[in-house]
N, C-alpha and C. Protein backbone atom coordinates (compact mmCIF):
# COMPACT_ATOMS: atom_id res chain seq x y z
N MET A 1 13.26 8.89 -13.44
CA MET A 1 12.98 7.63 -13.41
C MET A 1 11.52 6.93 -13.71
N ALA A 2 10.01 7.27 -13.28
CA ALA A 2 8.99 7.01 -13.89
C ALA A 2 8.89 7.32 -15.01
N GLU A 3 9.06 8.66 -15.14
CA GLU A 3 8.81 8.62 -16.67
C GLU A 3 9.93 7.92 -17.74
N ALA A 4 10.85 7.48 -17.37
CA ALA A 4 11.85 6.59 -18.37
C ALA A 4 11.10 4.69 -18.46
N LEU A 5 10.42 4.68 -17.24
CA LEU A 5 9.87 3.42 -16.61
C LEU A 5 8.50 3.25 -17.51
N ALA A 6 7.90 4.28 -17.93
CA ALA A 6 6.58 4.27 -18.46
C ALA A 6 6.95 4.44 -20.02
N PHE A 7 7.84 4.87 -20.59
CA PHE A 7 8.22 5.25 -22.26
C PHE A 7 8.82 4.00 -22.23
N GLU A 8 9.56 3.07 -21.90
CA GLU A 8 9.86 2.05 -21.46
C GLU A 8 9.18 0.59 -21.70
N LEU A 9 8.31 0.68 -21.15
CA LEU A 9 6.74 -0.25 -20.80
C LEU A 9 6.06 0.27 -22.12
N HIS A 10 5.57 1.52 -22.18
CA HIS A 10 5.12 1.49 -23.59
C HIS A 10 5.32 1.62 -25.09
N SER A 11 6.66 1.51 -25.09
CA SER A 11 7.25 1.27 -26.05
C SER A 11 7.07 -0.54 -26.67
N LEU A 12 7.70 -1.27 -25.52
CA LEU A 12 7.72 -2.91 -25.34
C LEU A 12 6.50 -3.47 -25.92
N LEU A 13 5.74 -2.79 -25.29
CA LEU A 13 4.35 -3.41 -25.45
C LEU A 13 3.72 -3.09 -26.66
N LEU A 14 3.92 -1.82 -26.71
CA LEU A 14 3.39 -1.78 -28.31
C LEU A 14 4.52 -2.66 -29.46
N ARG A 15 4.89 -2.70 -29.26
CA ARG A 15 5.93 -3.66 -30.38
C ARG A 15 5.84 -5.02 -29.57
N ASP A 16 5.53 -5.76 -29.30
CA ASP A 16 5.21 -7.13 -29.05
C ASP A 16 3.65 -7.06 -29.45
N ILE A 17 2.96 -6.09 -29.53
CA ILE A 17 1.31 -6.26 -30.14
C ILE A 17 1.73 -6.34 -31.63
N ALA A 18 2.32 -5.27 -31.91
CA ALA A 18 2.72 -5.40 -33.49
C ALA A 18 3.52 -6.57 -34.01
N ALA A 19 4.48 -7.13 -33.19
CA ALA A 19 4.79 -8.65 -33.65
C ALA A 19 3.68 -9.38 -33.42
N ALA A 20 3.01 -9.60 -32.81
CA ALA A 20 1.78 -11.00 -32.33
C ALA A 20 0.91 -10.39 -33.42
N SER A 21 0.52 -9.55 -33.62
CA SER A 21 -0.84 -9.41 -34.25
C SER A 21 -0.55 -9.05 -35.94
N GLY A 22 0.99 -8.51 -36.10
CA GLY A 22 1.38 -8.24 -37.67
C GLY A 22 0.71 -6.86 -37.97
N MET A 23 0.19 -6.32 -36.95
CA MET A 23 -0.16 -4.79 -37.24
C MET A 23 0.07 -3.86 -37.23
N GLN A 24 0.42 -2.58 -37.07
CA GLN A 24 1.23 -1.61 -36.40
C GLN A 24 -0.19 -0.76 -36.21
N PHE A 25 0.12 -0.15 -34.79
CA PHE A 25 -0.75 0.70 -34.19
C PHE A 25 -0.14 2.44 -34.05
N GLN A 26 -0.96 3.15 -33.79
CA GLN A 26 -0.54 4.96 -33.51
C GLN A 26 -0.17 4.82 -32.34
N GLY A 27 -0.69 3.91 -31.86
CA GLY A 27 -0.72 3.83 -29.84
C GLY A 27 -1.02 2.34 -29.14
N LEU A 28 -0.74 2.92 -27.96
CA LEU A 28 -1.53 1.43 -27.26
C LEU A 28 -2.89 1.77 -26.79
N ARG A 29 -3.79 2.67 -27.15
CA ARG A 29 -5.30 2.82 -27.02
C ARG A 29 -5.68 2.11 -28.27
N TRP A 30 -5.03 2.49 -29.57
CA TRP A 30 -6.38 1.69 -30.61
C TRP A 30 -5.64 0.45 -30.59
N ALA A 31 -4.23 -0.30 -30.14
CA ALA A 31 -4.10 -1.12 -29.95
C ALA A 31 -4.64 -1.82 -29.68
N ALA A 32 -4.88 -1.44 -28.01
CA ALA A 32 -6.30 -2.16 -26.37
C ALA A 32 -7.47 -2.26 -26.79
N SER A 33 -7.77 -1.32 -28.15
CA SER A 33 -9.19 -0.89 -28.32
C SER A 33 -9.73 -2.48 -29.47
N HIS A 34 -8.46 -2.43 -30.54
CA HIS A 34 -8.24 -3.72 -31.54
C HIS A 34 -8.37 -5.52 -30.97
N LEU A 35 -7.35 -4.80 -29.62
CA LEU A 35 -7.58 -6.79 -29.28
C LEU A 35 -8.93 -6.78 -27.98
N ARG A 36 -8.95 -5.81 -27.65
CA ARG A 36 -10.53 -5.94 -26.86
C ARG A 36 -11.05 -6.23 -27.77
N ARG A 37 -11.73 -5.77 -28.81
CA ARG A 37 -12.62 -6.03 -30.03
C ARG A 37 -12.30 -7.36 -30.54
N SER A 38 -11.53 -8.12 -30.79
CA SER A 38 -11.26 -9.00 -31.21
C SER A 38 -10.82 -10.33 -29.56
N ARG A 39 -11.46 -10.22 -28.63
CA ARG A 39 -11.71 -10.83 -27.57
C ARG A 39 -10.04 -11.05 -27.11
N VAL A 40 -9.13 -10.53 -27.81
CA VAL A 40 -7.87 -11.16 -26.92
C VAL A 40 -7.51 -10.92 -25.84
N ILE A 41 -7.93 -9.49 -25.49
CA ILE A 41 -7.76 -9.50 -23.99
C ILE A 41 -9.05 -8.53 -23.24
N CYS A 42 -9.44 -8.60 -21.93
CA CYS A 42 -10.12 -8.52 -21.31
C CYS A 42 -10.77 -6.82 -21.56
N PRO A 43 -11.62 -6.09 -21.38
CA PRO A 43 -11.98 -4.70 -20.78
C PRO A 43 -11.39 -3.81 -19.73
N ALA A 44 -11.12 -4.64 -18.54
CA ALA A 44 -10.26 -4.08 -17.32
C ALA A 44 -8.49 -3.64 -17.70
N PHE A 45 -8.11 -4.82 -18.52
CA PHE A 45 -6.72 -4.92 -19.17
C PHE A 45 -7.01 -3.68 -20.39
N ALA A 46 -7.36 -4.05 -21.06
CA ALA A 46 -7.57 -2.68 -22.15
C ALA A 46 -7.47 -1.05 -21.78
N LYS A 47 -8.56 -0.95 -20.69
CA LYS A 47 -8.40 0.30 -19.83
C LYS A 47 -6.95 0.79 -19.19
N ARG A 48 -6.26 -0.07 -18.66
CA ARG A 48 -5.10 -0.18 -18.66
C ARG A 48 -4.25 0.52 -19.46
N LEU A 49 -4.28 -0.21 -20.77
CA LEU A 49 -3.09 -0.14 -21.96
C LEU A 49 -3.54 1.28 -22.56
N ALA A 50 -4.46 1.77 -22.39
CA ALA A 50 -5.60 2.72 -22.35
C ALA A 50 -4.82 4.23 -21.64
N GLN A 51 -4.39 4.12 -19.92
CA GLN A 51 -4.29 4.70 -19.40
C GLN A 51 -2.89 5.20 -19.34
N LEU A 52 -2.38 3.73 -19.74
CA LEU A 52 -0.66 3.70 -20.17
C LEU A 52 -0.11 5.05 -21.18
N ASP A 53 -1.18 5.13 -22.35
CA ASP A 53 -1.32 5.11 -23.70
C ASP A 53 -1.50 7.09 -23.29
N ASP A 54 -2.24 7.37 -22.48
CA ASP A 54 -2.56 8.51 -22.17
C ASP A 54 -1.41 9.05 -20.94
N THR A 55 -1.15 8.43 -20.16
CA THR A 55 -0.06 9.00 -19.32
C THR A 55 1.49 9.53 -20.03
N CYS A 56 1.45 8.36 -20.88
CA CYS A 56 2.67 8.65 -22.11
C CYS A 56 2.63 10.21 -23.16
N ALA A 57 1.80 9.90 -22.99
CA ALA A 57 1.22 11.50 -24.02
C ALA A 57 0.98 12.45 -23.12
N VAL A 58 1.10 12.70 -22.19
CA VAL A 58 0.95 13.89 -21.65
C VAL A 58 2.45 14.16 -21.24
N LEU A 59 2.84 12.58 -20.68
CA LEU A 59 4.68 13.34 -20.11
C LEU A 59 5.34 13.71 -21.40
N ARG A 60 4.90 13.77 -22.57
CA ARG A 60 5.41 14.11 -23.95
C ARG A 60 5.37 15.53 -24.19
N HIS A 61 4.33 15.62 -23.74
CA HIS A 61 3.52 16.95 -24.16
C HIS A 61 3.98 18.07 -22.45
N ILE A 62 4.09 17.43 -21.83
CA ILE A 62 4.16 18.47 -20.02
C ILE A 62 5.15 19.65 -20.15
N SER A 63 5.17 20.98 -19.99
CA SER A 63 6.10 21.75 -19.99
C SER A 63 5.92 22.84 -18.58
N VAL A 64 6.72 23.34 -18.03
CA VAL A 64 6.04 24.30 -17.28
C VAL A 64 5.13 25.58 -17.55
N VAL A 65 5.25 26.04 -18.46
CA VAL A 65 3.88 26.27 -19.19
C VAL A 65 2.67 25.82 -19.02
N SER A 66 2.34 24.76 -19.78
CA SER A 66 1.96 24.00 -19.91
C SER A 66 0.79 23.63 -18.31
N ALA A 67 1.64 23.09 -17.34
CA ALA A 67 1.45 22.79 -15.61
C ALA A 67 1.10 23.79 -15.60
N ARG A 68 1.12 25.05 -15.32
CA ARG A 68 1.26 26.48 -14.61
C ARG A 68 -0.69 26.64 -15.10
N LEU A 69 -0.18 26.98 -16.66
CA LEU A 69 -2.17 27.12 -17.09
C LEU A 69 -2.89 25.69 -16.18
N LEU A 70 -2.88 24.69 -16.71
CA LEU A 70 -3.48 24.09 -16.08
C LEU A 70 -4.05 23.72 -14.48
N ALA A 71 -3.17 24.54 -13.26
CA ALA A 71 -3.19 24.72 -12.76
C ALA A 71 -4.00 26.35 -12.39
N ASN A 72 -3.87 27.27 -13.03
CA ASN A 72 -4.29 28.32 -12.89
C ASN A 72 -5.83 28.08 -13.19
N GLN A 73 -6.11 27.14 -14.63
CA GLN A 73 -7.48 26.78 -14.80
C GLN A 73 -8.25 26.30 -13.67
N LEU A 74 -7.81 25.29 -12.59
CA LEU A 74 -8.49 24.82 -11.81
C LEU A 74 -8.57 26.15 -10.88
N SER A 75 -7.92 26.69 -10.32
CA SER A 75 -7.80 27.54 -9.40
C SER A 75 -9.26 28.16 -9.89
N GLU A 76 -9.21 28.85 -11.06
CA GLU A 76 -10.16 29.53 -11.19
C GLU A 76 -11.58 28.60 -11.54
N ALA A 77 -11.51 27.57 -11.56
CA ALA A 77 -12.72 27.12 -11.93
C ALA A 77 -13.17 26.72 -9.88
N LEU A 78 -12.18 26.23 -9.33
CA LEU A 78 -12.69 26.25 -7.97
C LEU A 78 -13.53 27.29 -7.24
N ARG A 79 -12.88 28.27 -7.66
CA ARG A 79 -13.22 29.35 -6.79
C ARG A 79 -15.17 29.85 -7.23
N SER A 80 -15.53 29.16 -7.84
CA SER A 80 -16.95 28.95 -8.05
C SER A 80 -17.15 28.77 -6.65
N LEU A 81 -16.65 27.31 -6.07
CA LEU A 81 -17.25 26.57 -5.25
C LEU A 81 -17.29 27.01 -3.65
N VAL A 82 -16.51 27.88 -3.53
CA VAL A 82 -16.42 29.30 -2.69
C VAL A 82 -17.70 30.18 -2.16
N PRO A 83 -17.87 29.76 -1.41
CA PRO A 83 -19.56 30.97 -1.15
C PRO A 83 -19.14 32.12 -0.58
N GLY A 84 -19.34 33.01 -1.48
CA GLY A 84 -19.17 34.54 -1.72
C GLY A 84 -18.46 35.14 -1.45
N ASP A 85 -17.75 34.64 -2.71
CA ASP A 85 -16.08 34.84 -3.36
C ASP A 85 -16.33 34.89 -4.96
N GLU A 86 -17.21 35.86 -4.88
CA GLU A 86 -17.37 35.76 -6.67
C GLU A 86 -16.10 36.71 -7.07
N ASP A 87 -15.65 37.34 -6.57
CA ASP A 87 -14.68 38.43 -6.72
C ASP A 87 -13.42 38.32 -6.97
N GLY A 88 -13.22 36.60 -6.66
CA GLY A 88 -11.90 35.76 -6.61
C GLY A 88 -10.98 35.59 -5.54
N ARG A 89 -11.34 36.79 -4.07
CA ARG A 89 -10.91 36.91 -3.30
C ARG A 89 -11.07 35.77 -1.80
């Protein structure tokens, strides 16, 4: 449900920006950057649009394999924080 909401909102906002500006953008991050530079939106709002764009990019490409790989990479990196645990045990 949250995934569908994020994609629907992303699509709606991108279409609205394109209609209002007369320009097409590859994603909300680019659109937000353009609107911020044009002083149409404030930097904080541009950041929120970029975050939504990033969220949708992750949702489009996430898989069980990539999720496991990310979790494993973090576990491996965190092992260095445990004193005296050089061998990973």
